Amino acid sequence: MLEGRTDEQKQAFAKVVTDAVTRTTGARKEAVTIVIEEMAKSHYAVGGKRVSD
């Protein structure tokens, strides 16, 4: 995800994704691993323009 999210937003994201995975697959919460990789806005482009521009 792009940089700039708060710790609270990342925690909420991890909870919602974990809940969706456990609900749809039957996996235990302890078996779900979430890796949040933040990307600098200057390293991401859409439609030929960097997000940071």
Protein backbone atom coordinates (compact mmCIF):
# COMPACT_ATOMS: atom_id res chain seq x y z
CA MET A 1 0.00 0.00 0.00
CA LEU A 2 1.10 3.58 -0.42
CA GLU A 3 2.87 5.21 2.49
CA GLY A 4 1.00 7.51 4.83
CA ARG A 5 -1.49 5.25 6.63
CA THR A 6 -1.62 5.44 10.41
CA ASP A 7 -0.87 2.49 12.68
CA GLU A 8 -4.58 2.44 13.56
CA GLN A 9 -5.55 2.16 9.89
CA LYS A 10 -3.08 -0.67 9.32
CA GLN A 11 -4.37 -2.51 12.39
CA ALA A 12 -7.97 -2.13 11.20
CA PHE A 13 -6.94 -3.37 7.73
CA ALA A 14 -5.24 -6.45 9.20
CA LYS A 15 -8.31 -7.26 11.30
CA VAL A 16 -10.77 -6.91 8.42
CA VAL A 17 -8.64 -9.00 6.05
CA THR A 18 -8.05 -11.68 8.69
CA ASP A 19 -11.77 -11.84 9.47
CA ALA A 20 -12.60 -12.16 5.75
CA VAL A 21 -10.06 -14.95 5.24
CA THR A 22 -11.24 -16.93 8.27
CA ARG A 23 -14.89 -16.48 7.33
CA THR A 24 -14.46 -17.53 3.70
CA THR A 25 -11.88 -20.32 4.10
CA GLY A 26 -12.46 -21.64 7.59
CA ALA A 27 -8.81 -21.01 8.49
CA ARG A 28 -7.93 -20.24 12.08
CA LYS A 29 -6.97 -16.61 12.80
CA GLU A 30 -3.57 -17.83 13.98
CA ALA A 31 -2.92 -19.30 10.53
CA VAL A 32 -3.46 -15.99 8.71
CA THR A 33 -0.39 -13.84 8.12
CA ILE A 34 -0.66 -10.31 6.77
CA VAL A 35 2.40 -8.48 5.44
CA ILE A 36 1.94 -4.76 4.89
CA GLU A 37 4.51 -3.40 2.50
CA GLU A 38 4.49 0.36 2.20
CA MET A 39 5.56 1.99 -1.03
CA ALA A 40 6.76 5.55 -1.44
CA LYS A 41 4.32 7.61 -3.51
CA SER A 42 7.23 8.61 -5.73
CA HIS A 43 7.74 4.92 -6.62
CA TYR A 44 4.19 4.36 -7.86
CA ALA A 45 2.58 5.65 -11.04
CA VAL A 46 -0.92 5.50 -12.50
CA GLY A 47 -1.76 6.59 -16.01
CA GLY A 48 1.79 7.68 -16.69
CA LYS A 49 2.02 9.99 -13.67
CA ARG A 50 3.67 9.36 -10.35
CA VAL A 51 1.22 9.52 -7.46
CA SER A 52 3.53 12.01 -5.73
CA ASP A 53 3.30 14.51 -8.63
